[in-house]
Structures are given as structure tokens and as C-alpha cells.
Amino acid sequence: MFLIQDNGQLVEMGAQSYDSEDLLQTLLAKYPNLLPGDQNSTS
């Protein structure tokens, strides 16, 4: 996975642990598409 910066430069994203379970849960609630697979399907 890559991030394109404002200057057009690509930055490779790496796995990283979260400092806080609360932060992780907040991010997943706000951005459920971060989770892979079909578990996000509402149909």
C-alpha cells in the first residue's frame, strides 16, 4: 500500500501497531472500510 504525498512522491506504508486500543476502535468505527473482507457488507 502506498500514500501519495502532496508533492506527488510515493511513500510505502508499513504495518504498525497502535498505541491505544481505544484509538484503533475509534478509527475502525469512523472508517469501517479499513477492515478487509465481506464482514463490512450491509446487504
PDB file of N, CA and C in Angstrom:
ATOM      1  N   MET A   1       0.854  -1.157   0.000  1.00  0.00           N
ATOM      2  CA  MET A   1       0.000   0.000   0.000  1.00  0.00           C
ATOM      3  C   MET A   1       0.911   1.235   0.000  1.00  0.00           C
ATOM      4  N   PHE A   2       0.497   2.246  -0.728  1.00  0.00           N
ATOM      5  CA  PHE A   2       1.287   3.464  -0.848  1.00  0.00           C
ATOM      6  C   PHE A   2       0.445   4.690  -0.557  1.00  0.00           C
ATOM      7  N   LEU A   3       1.084   5.722  -0.113  1.00  0.00           N
ATOM      8  CA  LEU A   3       0.461   7.022   0.109  1.00  0.00           C
ATOM      9  C   LEU A   3       1.092   8.001  -0.872  1.00  0.00           C
ATOM     10  N   ILE A   4       0.278   8.747  -1.595  1.00  0.00           N
ATOM     11  CA  ILE A   4       0.791   9.775  -2.495  1.00  0.00           C
ATOM     12  C   ILE A   4       0.762  11.099  -1.742  1.00  0.00           C
ATOM     13  N   GLN A   5       1.939  11.659  -1.515  1.00  0.00           N
ATOM     14  CA  GLN A   5       2.039  12.921  -0.800  1.00  0.00           C
ATOM     15  C   GLN A   5       1.637  14.080  -1.703  1.00  0.00           C
ATOM     16  N   ASP A   6       1.429  15.254  -1.105  1.00  0.00           N
ATOM     17  CA  ASP A   6       1.031  16.441  -1.857  1.00  0.00           C
ATOM     18  C   ASP A   6       2.013  16.789  -2.967  1.00  0.00           C
ATOM     19  N   ASN A   7       3.292  16.460  -2.770  1.00  0.00           N
ATOM     20  CA  ASN A   7       4.296  16.777  -3.785  1.00  0.00           C
ATOM     21  C   ASN A   7       4.395  15.692  -4.853  1.00  0.00           C
ATOM     22  N   GLY A   8       3.520  14.676  -4.804  1.00  0.00           N
ATOM     23  CA  GLY A   8       3.479  13.616  -5.794  1.00  0.00           C
ATOM     24  C   GLY A   8       4.393  12.444  -5.489  1.00  0.00           C
ATOM     25  N   GLN A   9       5.134  12.516  -4.406  1.00  0.00           N
ATOM     26  CA  GLN A   9       6.048  11.453  -4.041  1.00  0.00           C
ATOM     27  C   GLN A   9       5.286  10.295  -3.401  1.00  0.00           C
ATOM     28  N   LEU A  10       5.660   9.044  -3.782  1.00  0.00           N
ATOM     29  CA  LEU A  10       5.046   7.860  -3.203  1.00  0.00           C
ATOM     30  C   LEU A  10       5.794   7.460  -1.939  1.00  0.00           C
ATOM     31  N   VAL A  11       5.028   7.101  -0.918  1.00  0.00           N
ATOM     32  CA  VAL A  11       5.603   6.619   0.330  1.00  0.00           C
ATOM     33  C   VAL A  11       4.987   5.258   0.602  1.00  0.00           C
ATOM     34  N   GLU A  12       5.837   4.229   0.747  1.00  0.00           N
ATOM     35  CA  GLU A  12       5.331   2.898   1.044  1.00  0.00           C
ATOM     36  C   GLU A  12       4.857   2.852   2.492  1.00  0.00           C
ATOM     37  N   MET A  13       3.646   2.341   2.687  1.00  0.00           N
ATOM     38  CA  MET A  13       3.075   2.230   4.020  1.00  0.00           C
ATOM     39  C   MET A  13       3.435   0.862   4.587  1.00  0.00           C
ATOM     40  N   GLY A  14       3.780   0.828   5.856  1.00  0.00           N
ATOM     41  CA  GLY A  14       4.127  -0.425   6.504  1.00  0.00           C
ATOM     42  C   GLY A  14       3.205  -0.709   7.674  1.00  0.00           C
ATOM     43  N   ALA A  15       3.214  -1.951   8.116  1.00  0.00           N
ATOM     44  CA  ALA A  15       2.407  -2.335   9.274  1.00  0.00           C
ATOM     45  C   ALA A  15       2.965  -1.658  10.524  1.00  0.00           C
ATOM     46  N   GLN A  16       2.056  -1.290  11.402  1.00  0.00           N
ATOM     47  CA  GLN A  16       2.448  -0.584  12.619  1.00  0.00           C
ATOM     48  C   GLN A  16       1.412  -0.876  13.692  1.00  0.00           C
ATOM     49  N   SER A  17       1.855  -1.090  14.905  1.00  0.00           N
ATOM     50  CA  SER A  17       0.909  -1.320  15.986  1.00  0.00           C
ATOM     51  C   SER A  17       0.366   0.020  16.482  1.00  0.00           C
ATOM     52  N   TYR A  18      -0.799  -0.037  17.117  1.00  0.00           N
ATOM     53  CA  TYR A  18      -1.418   1.175  17.647  1.00  0.00           C
ATOM     54  C   TYR A  18      -1.034   1.358  19.102  1.00  0.00           C
ATOM     55  N   ASP A  19      -0.882   2.595  19.516  1.00  0.00           N
ATOM     56  CA  ASP A  19      -0.546   2.899  20.898  1.00  0.00           C
ATOM     57  C   ASP A  19      -1.715   2.622  21.837  1.00  0.00           C
ATOM     58  N   SER A  20      -2.912   2.613  21.273  1.00  0.00           N
ATOM     59  CA  SER A  20      -4.099   2.548  22.115  1.00  0.00           C
ATOM     60  C   SER A  20      -5.200   1.760  21.419  1.00  0.00           C
ATOM     61  N   GLU A  21      -5.783   0.804  22.117  1.00  0.00           N
ATOM     62  CA  GLU A  21      -6.930   0.066  21.589  1.00  0.00           C
ATOM     63  C   GLU A  21      -8.101   1.011  21.347  1.00  0.00           C
ATOM     64  N   ASP A  22      -8.269   2.011  22.201  1.00  0.00           N
ATOM     65  CA  ASP A  22      -9.352   2.989  22.009  1.00  0.00           C
ATOM     66  C   ASP A  22      -9.184   3.740  20.698  1.00  0.00           C
ATOM     67  N   LEU A  23      -7.959   4.122  20.370  1.00  0.00           N
ATOM     68  CA  LEU A  23      -7.698   4.821  19.104  1.00  0.00           C
ATOM     69  C   LEU A  23      -8.037   3.918  17.931  1.00  0.00           C
ATOM     70  N   LEU A  24      -7.601   2.662  17.988  1.00  0.00           N
ATOM     71  CA  LEU A  24      -7.900   1.717  16.919  1.00  0.00           C
ATOM     72  C   LEU A  24      -9.403   1.555  16.750  1.00  0.00           C
ATOM     73  N   GLN A  25     -10.134   1.363  17.829  1.00  0.00           N
ATOM     74  CA  GLN A  25     -11.585   1.189  17.748  1.00  0.00           C
ATOM     75  C   GLN A  25     -12.268   2.435  17.182  1.00  0.00           C
ATOM     76  N   THR A  26     -11.797   3.605  17.561  1.00  0.00           N
ATOM     77  CA  THR A  26     -12.356   4.864  17.041  1.00  0.00           C
ATOM     78  C   THR A  26     -12.140   4.970  15.536  1.00  0.00           C
ATOM     79  N   LEU A  27     -10.922   4.654  15.089  1.00  0.00           N
ATOM     80  CA  LEU A  27     -10.627   4.716  13.656  1.00  0.00           C
ATOM     81  C   LEU A  27     -11.448   3.706  12.869  1.00  0.00           C
ATOM     82  N   LEU A  28     -11.606   2.497  13.396  1.00  0.00           N
ATOM     83  CA  LEU A  28     -12.401   1.482  12.697  1.00  0.00           C
ATOM     84  C   LEU A  28     -13.877   1.852  12.649  1.00  0.00           C
ATOM     85  N   ALA A  29     -14.385   2.488  13.691  1.00  0.00           N
ATOM     86  CA  ALA A  29     -15.779   2.937  13.680  1.00  0.00           C
ATOM     87  C   ALA A  29     -15.981   4.048  12.653  1.00  0.00           C
ATOM     88  N   LYS A  30     -15.001   4.923  12.539  1.00  0.00           N
ATOM     89  CA  LYS A  30     -15.099   6.043  11.605  1.00  0.00           C
ATOM     90  C   LYS A  30     -14.829   5.618  10.166  1.00  0.00           C
ATOM     91  N   TYR A  31     -13.931   4.629   9.980  1.00  0.00           N
ATOM     92  CA  TYR A  31     -13.534   4.171   8.645  1.00  0.00           C
ATOM     93  C   TYR A  31     -13.650   2.649   8.560  1.00  0.00           C
ATOM     94  N   PRO A  32     -14.867   2.104   8.522  1.00  0.00           N
ATOM     95  CA  PRO A  32     -15.040   0.645   8.530  1.00  0.00           C
ATOM     96  C   PRO A  32     -14.435  -0.047   7.313  1.00  0.00           C
ATOM     97  N   ASN A  33     -14.215   0.662   6.229  1.00  0.00           N
ATOM     98  CA  ASN A  33     -13.623   0.052   5.043  1.00  0.00           C
ATOM     99  C   ASN A  33     -12.154  -0.286   5.230  1.00  0.00           C
ATOM    100  N   LEU A  34     -11.567   0.098   6.364  1.00  0.00           N
ATOM    101  CA  LEU A  34     -10.197  -0.303   6.669  1.00  0.00           C
ATOM    102  C   LEU A  34     -10.108  -1.812   6.898  1.00  0.00           C
ATOM    103  N   LEU A  35     -11.216  -2.426   7.307  1.00  0.00           N
ATOM    104  CA  LEU A  35     -11.234  -3.856   7.540  1.00  0.00           C
ATOM    105  C   LEU A  35     -11.422  -4.578   6.202  1.00  0.00           C
ATOM    106  N   PRO A  36     -10.560  -5.560   5.907  1.00  0.00           N
ATOM    107  CA  PRO A  36     -10.697  -6.296   4.646  1.00  0.00           C
ATOM    108  C   PRO A  36     -11.817  -7.316   4.724  1.00  0.00           C
ATOM    109  N   GLY A  37     -12.301  -7.741   3.574  1.00  0.00           N
ATOM    110  CA  GLY A  37     -13.258  -8.835   3.516  1.00  0.00           C
ATOM    111  C   GLY A  37     -14.695  -8.383   3.444  1.00  0.00           C
ATOM    112  N   ASP A  38     -15.576  -9.364   3.575  1.00  0.00           N
ATOM    113  CA  ASP A  38     -17.017  -9.138   3.419  1.00  0.00           C
ATOM    114  C   ASP A  38     -17.712  -8.805   4.726  1.00  0.00           C
ATOM    115  N   GLN A  39     -16.998  -8.762   5.850  1.00  0.00           N
ATOM    116  CA  GLN A  39     -17.651  -8.516   7.114  1.00  0.00           C
ATOM    117  C   GLN A  39     -18.253  -7.112   7.200  1.00  0.00           C
ATOM    118  N   ASN A  40     -17.904  -6.218   6.258  1.00  0.00           N
ATOM    119  CA  ASN A  40     -18.450  -4.867   6.262  1.00  0.00           C
ATOM    120  C   ASN A  40     -19.731  -4.743   5.468  1.00  0.00           C
ATOM    121  N   SER A  41     -20.102  -5.791   4.791  1.00  0.00           N
ATOM    122  CA  SER A  41     -21.280  -5.748   3.930  1.00  0.00           C
ATOM    123  C   SER A  41     -22.548  -5.544   4.751  1.00  0.00           C
ATOM    124  N   THR A  42     -23.386  -4.624   4.277  1.00  0.00           N
ATOM    125  CA  THR A  42     -24.665  -4.370   4.961  1.00  0.00           C
ATOM    126  C   THR A  42     -25.829  -5.002   4.222  1.00  0.00           C
ATOM    127  N   SER A  43     -25.544  -5.715   3.114  1.00  0.00           N
ATOM    128  CA  SER A  43     -26.637  -6.323   2.354  1.00  0.00           C
ATOM    129  C   SER A  43     -26.904  -7.730   2.789  1.00  0.00           C
TER     130      SER A  43
END
